[in-house]
Amino acid sequence: RRIMFLIVDSGRGPSGNWGQELPGPTGVDLV
């Protein structure tokens, strides 16, 4: 009668501030 699929998402959100600046991302951030 009832089926529940509960997906627990602990994924990474956006990080760093290069989205707010003209330079970047650096090579490490780009990878």
PDB file of all heavy atoms in Angstrom:
ATOM      1  N   ARG A   1       0.823  -1.214   0.000  1.00  0.00           N
ATOM      2  CA  ARG A   1       0.000   0.000   0.000  1.00  0.00           C
ATOM      3  C   ARG A   1       0.854   1.261   0.000  1.00  0.00           C
ATOM      4  O   ARG A   1       0.495   2.246  -0.616  1.00  0.00           O
ATOM      5  CB  ARG A   1      -0.918   0.018   1.229  1.00  0.00           C
ATOM      6  CG  ARG A   1      -1.964  -1.080   1.254  1.00  0.00           C
ATOM      7  CD  ARG A   1      -2.805  -1.006   2.523  1.00  0.00           C
ATOM      8  NE  ARG A   1      -3.448   0.294   2.666  1.00  0.00           N
ATOM      9  CZ  ARG A   1      -3.125   1.206   3.602  1.00  0.00           C
ATOM     10  NH1 ARG A   1      -2.152   0.948   4.467  1.00  0.00           N
ATOM     11  NH2 ARG A   1      -3.764   2.348   3.675  1.00  0.00           N
ATOM     12  N   ARG A   2       1.961   1.239   0.712  1.00  0.00           N
ATOM     13  CA  ARG A   2       2.793   2.426   0.830  1.00  0.00           C
ATOM     14  C   ARG A   2       4.253   2.054   0.610  1.00  0.00           C
ATOM     15  O   ARG A   2       4.753   1.102   1.218  1.00  0.00           O
ATOM     16  CB  ARG A   2       2.642   3.068   2.217  1.00  0.00           C
ATOM     17  CG  ARG A   2       1.233   3.552   2.539  1.00  0.00           C
ATOM     18  CD  ARG A   2       0.857   4.764   1.687  1.00  0.00           C
ATOM     19  NE  ARG A   2      -0.475   5.256   2.015  1.00  0.00           N
ATOM     20  CZ  ARG A   2      -1.587   4.827   1.406  1.00  0.00           C
ATOM     21  NH1 ARG A   2      -1.513   3.890   0.463  1.00  0.00           N
ATOM     22  NH2 ARG A   2      -2.764   5.333   1.725  1.00  0.00           N
ATOM     23  N   ILE A   3       4.922   2.817  -0.254  1.00  0.00           N
ATOM     24  CA  ILE A   3       6.349   2.619  -0.521  1.00  0.00           C
ATOM     25  C   ILE A   3       7.053   3.954  -0.318  1.00  0.00           C
ATOM     26  O   ILE A   3       6.634   4.975  -0.867  1.00  0.00           O
ATOM     27  CB  ILE A   3       6.600   2.113  -1.952  1.00  0.00           C
ATOM     28  CG1 ILE A   3       5.890   0.780  -2.180  1.00  0.00           C
ATOM     29  CG2 ILE A   3       8.097   1.973  -2.222  1.00  0.00           C
ATOM     30  CD1 ILE A   3       5.993   0.282  -3.610  1.00  0.00           C
ATOM     31  N   MET A   4       8.111   3.938   0.475  1.00  0.00           N
ATOM     32  CA  MET A   4       8.870   5.152   0.746  1.00  0.00           C
ATOM     33  C   MET A   4      10.314   4.969   0.314  1.00  0.00           C
ATOM     34  O   MET A   4      10.980   4.022   0.732  1.00  0.00           O
ATOM     35  CB  MET A   4       8.848   5.484   2.241  1.00  0.00           C
ATOM     36  CG  MET A   4       9.606   6.748   2.622  1.00  0.00           C
ATOM     37  SD  MET A   4       8.676   8.224   2.193  1.00  0.00           S
ATOM     38  CE  MET A   4       9.895   9.507   2.501  1.00  0.00           C
ATOM     39  N   PHE A   5      10.801   5.843  -0.559  1.00  0.00           N
ATOM     40  CA  PHE A   5      12.219   5.922  -0.900  1.00  0.00           C
ATOM     41  C   PHE A   5      12.733   7.244  -0.334  1.00  0.00           C
ATOM     42  O   PHE A   5      12.342   8.321  -0.785  1.00  0.00           O
ATOM     43  CB  PHE A   5      12.442   5.881  -2.406  1.00  0.00           C
ATOM     44  CG  PHE A   5      12.480   4.502  -2.982  1.00  0.00           C
ATOM     45  CD1 PHE A   5      11.323   3.896  -3.411  1.00  0.00           C
ATOM     46  CD2 PHE A   5      13.673   3.809  -3.077  1.00  0.00           C
ATOM     47  CE1 PHE A   5      11.341   2.616  -3.937  1.00  0.00           C
ATOM     48  CE2 PHE A   5      13.707   2.524  -3.602  1.00  0.00           C
ATOM     49  CZ  PHE A   5      12.544   1.927  -4.032  1.00  0.00           C
ATOM     50  N   LEU A   6      13.596   7.148   0.648  1.00  0.00           N
ATOM     51  CA  LEU A   6      14.143   8.335   1.288  1.00  0.00           C
ATOM     52  C   LEU A   6      15.616   8.450   0.905  1.00  0.00           C
ATOM     53  O   LEU A   6      16.426   7.595   1.273  1.00  0.00           O
ATOM     54  CB  LEU A   6      13.985   8.237   2.803  1.00  0.00           C
ATOM     55  CG  LEU A   6      14.194   9.503   3.618  1.00  0.00           C
ATOM     56  CD1 LEU A   6      13.177  10.567   3.227  1.00  0.00           C
ATOM     57  CD2 LEU A   6      14.076   9.203   5.104  1.00  0.00           C
ATOM     58  N   ILE A   7      15.944   9.485   0.154  1.00  0.00           N
ATOM     59  CA  ILE A   7      17.314   9.692  -0.315  1.00  0.00           C
ATOM     60  C   ILE A   7      17.965  10.742   0.570  1.00  0.00           C
ATOM     61  O   ILE A   7      17.487  11.885   0.643  1.00  0.00           O
ATOM     62  CB  ILE A   7      17.342  10.126  -1.794  1.00  0.00           C
ATOM     63  CG1 ILE A   7      16.801   9.002  -2.679  1.00  0.00           C
ATOM     64  CG2 ILE A   7      18.750  10.484  -2.219  1.00  0.00           C
ATOM     65  CD1 ILE A   7      15.371   9.175  -3.084  1.00  0.00           C
ATOM     66  N   VAL A   8      19.021  10.368   1.254  1.00  0.00           N
ATOM     67  CA  VAL A   8      19.708  11.260   2.187  1.00  0.00           C
ATOM     68  C   VAL A   8      20.911  11.862   1.462  1.00  0.00           C
ATOM     69  O   VAL A   8      21.894  11.179   1.173  1.00  0.00           O
ATOM     70  CB  VAL A   8      20.152  10.500   3.448  1.00  0.00           C
ATOM     71  CG1 VAL A   8      20.740  11.473   4.469  1.00  0.00           C
ATOM     72  CG2 VAL A   8      18.970   9.749   4.066  1.00  0.00           C
ATOM     73  N   ASP A   9      20.810  13.150   1.171  1.00  0.00           N
ATOM     74  CA  ASP A   9      21.781  13.843   0.323  1.00  0.00           C
ATOM     75  C   ASP A   9      22.721  14.686   1.180  1.00  0.00           C
ATOM     76  O   ASP A   9      22.323  15.691   1.758  1.00  0.00           O
ATOM     77  CB  ASP A   9      21.030  14.731  -0.680  1.00  0.00           C
ATOM     78  CG  ASP A   9      21.958  15.504  -1.600  1.00  0.00           C
ATOM     79  OD1 ASP A   9      23.173  15.236  -1.584  1.00  0.00           O
ATOM     80  OD2 ASP A   9      21.455  16.382  -2.342  1.00  0.00           O
ATOM     81  N   SER A  10      23.981  14.277   1.234  1.00  0.00           N
ATOM     82  CA  SER A  10      25.001  15.039   1.971  1.00  0.00           C
ATOM     83  C   SER A  10      26.032  15.604   1.016  1.00  0.00           C
ATOM     84  O   SER A  10      27.193  15.818   1.384  1.00  0.00           O
ATOM     85  CB  SER A  10      25.691  14.137   3.006  1.00  0.00           C
ATOM     86  OG  SER A  10      24.754  13.455   3.798  1.00  0.00           O
ATOM     87  N   GLY A  11      25.628  15.824  -0.223  1.00  0.00           N
ATOM     88  CA  GLY A  11      26.548  16.279  -1.253  1.00  0.00           C
ATOM     89  C   GLY A  11      27.114  17.656  -0.988  1.00  0.00           C
ATOM     90  O   GLY A  11      26.615  18.425  -0.162  1.00  0.00           O
ATOM     91  N   ARG A  12      28.166  17.960  -1.724  1.00  0.00           N
ATOM     92  CA  ARG A  12      28.878  19.225  -1.549  1.00  0.00           C
ATOM     93  C   ARG A  12      28.144  20.376  -2.225  1.00  0.00           C
ATOM     94  O   ARG A  12      27.731  20.267  -3.373  1.00  0.00           O
ATOM     95  CB  ARG A  12      30.279  19.124  -2.161  1.00  0.00           C
ATOM     96  CG  ARG A  12      31.215  18.252  -1.402  1.00  0.00           C
ATOM     97  CD  ARG A  12      32.370  17.789  -2.266  1.00  0.00           C
ATOM     98  NE  ARG A  12      32.971  18.865  -3.039  1.00  0.00           N
ATOM     99  CZ  ARG A  12      33.927  19.683  -2.598  1.00  0.00           C
ATOM    100  NH1 ARG A  12      34.351  19.557  -1.366  1.00  0.00           N
ATOM    101  NH2 ARG A  12      34.457  20.598  -3.375  1.00  0.00           N
ATOM    102  N   GLY A  13      27.994  21.470  -1.519  1.00  0.00           N
ATOM    103  CA  GLY A  13      27.461  22.682  -2.111  1.00  0.00           C
ATOM    104  C   GLY A  13      28.575  23.487  -2.766  1.00  0.00           C
ATOM    105  O   GLY A  13      29.760  23.146  -2.662  1.00  0.00           O
ATOM    106  N   PRO A  14      28.230  24.574  -3.453  1.00  0.00           N
ATOM    107  CA  PRO A  14      29.263  25.433  -4.057  1.00  0.00           C
ATOM    108  C   PRO A  14      30.212  25.949  -2.991  1.00  0.00           C
ATOM    109  O   PRO A  14      29.821  26.219  -1.848  1.00  0.00           O
ATOM    110  CB  PRO A  14      28.440  26.569  -4.678  1.00  0.00           C
ATOM    111  CG  PRO A  14      27.075  26.008  -4.880  1.00  0.00           C
ATOM    112  CD  PRO A  14      26.870  25.049  -3.743  1.00  0.00           C
ATOM    113  N   SER A  15      31.485  26.101  -3.353  1.00  0.00           N
ATOM    114  CA  SER A  15      32.487  26.582  -2.400  1.00  0.00           C
ATOM    115  C   SER A  15      33.399  27.585  -3.081  1.00  0.00           C
ATOM    116  O   SER A  15      33.508  27.627  -4.318  1.00  0.00           O
ATOM    117  CB  SER A  15      33.307  25.408  -1.844  1.00  0.00           C
ATOM    118  OG  SER A  15      33.983  24.738  -2.895  1.00  0.00           O
ATOM    119  N   GLY A  16      34.076  28.409  -2.265  1.00  0.00           N
ATOM    120  CA  GLY A  16      34.976  29.415  -2.798  1.00  0.00           C
ATOM    121  C   GLY A  16      34.243  30.701  -3.148  1.00  0.00           C
ATOM    122  O   GLY A  16      33.016  30.749  -3.199  1.00  0.00           O
ATOM    123  N   ASN A  17      35.023  31.749  -3.392  1.00  0.00           N
ATOM    124  CA  ASN A  17      34.426  33.042  -3.719  1.00  0.00           C
ATOM    125  C   ASN A  17      34.745  33.496  -5.128  1.00  0.00           C
ATOM    126  O   ASN A  17      34.502  34.643  -5.486  1.00  0.00           O
ATOM    127  CB  ASN A  17      34.890  34.109  -2.709  1.00  0.00           C
ATOM    128  CG  ASN A  17      36.401  34.311  -2.745  1.00  0.00           C
ATOM    129  OD1 ASN A  17      37.123  33.614  -3.468  1.00  0.00           O
ATOM    130  ND2 ASN A  17      36.886  35.260  -1.965  1.00  0.00           N
ATOM    131  N   TRP A  18      35.302  32.589  -5.946  1.00  0.00           N
ATOM    132  CA  TRP A  18      35.699  33.013  -7.289  1.00  0.00           C
ATOM    133  C   TRP A  18      34.498  33.307  -8.182  1.00  0.00           C
ATOM    134  O   TRP A  18      34.643  33.940  -9.233  1.00  0.00           O
ATOM    135  CB  TRP A  18      36.627  31.977  -7.939  1.00  0.00           C
ATOM    136  CG  TRP A  18      36.178  30.546  -7.853  1.00  0.00           C
ATOM    137  CD1 TRP A  18      36.521  29.638  -6.897  1.00  0.00           C
ATOM    138  CD2 TRP A  18      35.309  29.851  -8.740  1.00  0.00           C
ATOM    139  NE1 TRP A  18      35.931  28.419  -7.134  1.00  0.00           N
ATOM    140  CE2 TRP A  18      35.180  28.520  -8.273  1.00  0.00           C
ATOM    141  CE3 TRP A  18      34.643  30.205  -9.904  1.00  0.00           C
ATOM    142  CZ2 TRP A  18      34.401  27.564  -8.916  1.00  0.00           C
ATOM    143  CZ3 TRP A  18      33.867  29.269 -10.554  1.00  0.00           C
ATOM    144  CH2 TRP A  18      33.740  27.960 -10.057  1.00  0.00           C
ATOM    145  N   GLY A  19      33.306  32.882  -7.757  1.00  0.00           N
ATOM    146  CA  GLY A  19      32.121  33.231  -8.520  1.00  0.00           C
ATOM    147  C   GLY A  19      31.730  34.689  -8.366  1.00  0.00           C
ATOM    148  O   GLY A  19      30.893  35.199  -9.114  1.00  0.00           O
ATOM    149  N   GLN A  20      32.336  35.383  -7.368  1.00  0.00           N
ATOM    150  CA  GLN A  20      32.041  36.788  -7.126  1.00  0.00           C
ATOM    151  C   GLN A  20      33.131  37.708  -7.651  1.00  0.00           C
ATOM    152  O   GLN A  20      33.039  38.927  -7.501  1.00  0.00           O
ATOM    153  CB  GLN A  20      31.869  37.029  -5.613  1.00  0.00           C
ATOM    154  CG  GLN A  20      30.852  36.136  -4.939  1.00  0.00           C
ATOM    155  CD  GLN A  20      29.455  36.342  -5.485  1.00  0.00           C
ATOM    156  OE1 GLN A  20      29.097  37.459  -5.872  1.00  0.00           O
ATOM    157  NE2 GLN A  20      28.663  35.276  -5.538  1.00  0.00           N
ATOM    158  N   GLU A  21      34.155  37.153  -8.244  1.00  0.00           N
ATOM    159  CA  GLU A  21      35.296  37.943  -8.704  1.00  0.00           C
ATOM    160  C   GLU A  21      35.614  37.615 -10.149  1.00  0.00           C
ATOM    161  O   GLU A  21      35.288  36.523 -10.649  1.00  0.00           O
ATOM    162  CB  GLU A  21      36.528  37.640  -7.838  1.00  0.00           C
ATOM    163  CG  GLU A  21      36.313  37.889  -6.352  1.00  0.00           C
ATOM    164  CD  GLU A  21      37.469  37.375  -5.513  1.00  0.00           C
ATOM    165  OE1 GLU A  21      38.333  36.662  -6.081  1.00  0.00           O
ATOM    166  OE2 GLU A  21      37.503  37.673  -4.302  1.00  0.00           O
ATOM    167  N   LEU A  22      36.254  38.540 -10.832  1.00  0.00           N
ATOM    168  CA  LEU A  22      36.632  38.299 -12.222  1.00  0.00           C
ATOM    169  C   LEU A  22      37.711  37.222 -12.345  1.00  0.00           C
ATOM    170  O   LEU A  22      37.595  36.322 -13.173  1.00  0.00           O
ATOM    171  CB  LEU A  22      37.098  39.607 -12.881  1.00  0.00           C
ATOM    172  CG  LEU A  22      37.522  39.489 -14.353  1.00  0.00           C
ATOM    173  CD1 LEU A  22      36.356  38.988 -15.201  1.00  0.00           C
ATOM    174  CD2 LEU A  22      38.019  40.834 -14.865  1.00  0.00           C
ATOM    175  N   PRO A  23      38.774  37.247 -11.537  1.00  0.00           N
ATOM    176  CA  PRO A  23      39.774  36.173 -11.628  1.00  0.00           C
ATOM    177  C   PRO A  23      39.224  34.850 -11.105  1.00  0.00           C
ATOM    178  O   PRO A  23      38.268  34.809 -10.325  1.00  0.00           O
ATOM    179  CB  PRO A  23      40.911  36.680 -10.728  1.00  0.00           C
ATOM    180  CG  PRO A  23      40.655  38.120 -10.512  1.00  0.00           C
ATOM    181  CD  PRO A  23      39.180  38.299 -10.588  1.00  0.00           C
ATOM    182  N   GLY A  24      39.879  33.787 -11.503  1.00  0.00           N
ATOM    183  CA  GLY A  24      39.536  32.465 -10.980  1.00  0.00           C
ATOM    184  C   GLY A  24      38.535  31.744 -11.865  1.00  0.00           C
ATOM    185  O   GLY A  24      37.935  32.352 -12.746  1.00  0.00           O
ATOM    186  N   PRO A  25      38.355  30.466 -11.624  1.00  0.00           N
ATOM    187  CA  PRO A  25      38.985  29.699 -10.542  1.00  0.00           C
ATOM    188  C   PRO A  25      40.440  29.378 -10.823  1.00  0.00           C
ATOM    189  O   PRO A  25      40.870  29.363 -11.982  1.00  0.00           O
ATOM    190  CB  PRO A  25      38.150  28.418 -10.513  1.00  0.00           C
ATOM    191  CG  PRO A  25      37.662  28.262 -11.920  1.00  0.00           C
ATOM    192  CD  PRO A  25      37.426  29.654 -12.422  1.00  0.00           C
ATOM    193  N   THR A  26      41.190  29.105  -9.769  1.00  0.00           N
ATOM    194  CA  THR A  26      42.569  28.666  -9.922  1.00  0.00           C
ATOM    195  C   THR A  26      42.583  27.244 -10.484  1.00  0.00           C
ATOM    196  O   THR A  26      41.534  26.593 -10.603  1.00  0.00           O
ATOM    197  CB  THR A  26      43.290  28.683  -8.569  1.00  0.00           C
ATOM    198  OG1 THR A  26      42.655  27.713  -7.710  1.00  0.00           O
ATOM    199  CG2 THR A  26      43.210  30.046  -7.913  1.00  0.00           C
ATOM    200  N   GLY A  27      43.767  26.762 -10.785  1.00  0.00           N
ATOM    201  CA  GLY A  27      43.862  25.416 -11.336  1.00  0.00           C
ATOM    202  C   GLY A  27      43.287  24.369 -10.418  1.00  0.00           C
ATOM    203  O   GLY A  27      42.554  23.467 -10.838  1.00  0.00           O
ATOM    204  N   VAL A  28      43.581  24.469  -9.100  1.00  0.00           N
ATOM    205  CA  VAL A  28      43.065  23.503  -8.139  1.00  0.00           C
ATOM    206  C   VAL A  28      41.543  23.599  -8.066  1.00  0.00           C
ATOM    207  O   VAL A  28      40.833  22.591  -8.093  1.00  0.00           O
ATOM    208  CB  VAL A  28      43.691  23.740  -6.743  1.00  0.00           C
ATOM    209  CG1 VAL A  28      43.013  22.861  -5.704  1.00  0.00           C
ATOM    210  CG2 VAL A  28      45.183  23.459  -6.778  1.00  0.00           C
ATOM    211  N   ASP A  29      41.032  24.836  -7.959  1.00  0.00           N
ATOM    212  CA  ASP A  29      39.578  25.020  -7.907  1.00  0.00           C
ATOM    213  C   ASP A  29      38.913  24.512  -9.173  1.00  0.00           C
ATOM    214  O   ASP A  29      37.797  23.973  -9.130  1.00  0.00           O
ATOM    215  CB  ASP A  29      39.235  26.495  -7.705  1.00  0.00           C
ATOM    216  CG  ASP A  29      39.510  26.974  -6.292  1.00  0.00           C
ATOM    217  OD1 ASP A  29      39.467  26.137  -5.379  1.00  0.00           O
ATOM    218  OD2 ASP A  29      39.764  28.185  -6.112  1.00  0.00           O
ATOM    219  N   LEU A  30      39.595  24.686 -10.300  1.00  0.00           N
ATOM    220  CA  LEU A  30      39.020  24.258 -11.569  1.00  0.00           C
ATOM    221  C   LEU A  30      38.886  22.743 -11.632  1.00  0.00           C
ATOM    222  O   LEU A  30      37.863  22.210 -12.089  1.00  0.00           O
ATOM    223  CB  LEU A  30      39.889  24.753 -12.731  1.00  0.00           C
ATOM    224  CG  LEU A  30      39.339  24.548 -14.146  1.00  0.00           C
ATOM    225  CD1 LEU A  30      38.022  25.297 -14.307  1.00  0.00           C
ATOM    226  CD2 LEU A  30      40.349  25.027 -15.171  1.00  0.00           C
ATOM    227  N   VAL A  31      39.912  22.035 -11.145  1.00  0.00           N
ATOM    228  CA  VAL A  31      39.845  20.579 -11.116  1.00  0.00           C
ATOM    229  C   VAL A  31      38.674  20.121 -10.248  1.00  0.00           C
ATOM    230  O   VAL A  31      37.868  19.263 -10.636  1.00  0.00           O
ATOM    231  CB  VAL A  31      41.170  19.977 -10.592  1.00  0.00           C
ATOM    232  CG1 VAL A  31      41.012  18.489 -10.335  1.00  0.00           C
ATOM    233  CG2 VAL A  31      42.297  20.225 -11.596  1.00  0.00           C
TER     234      VAL A  31
END
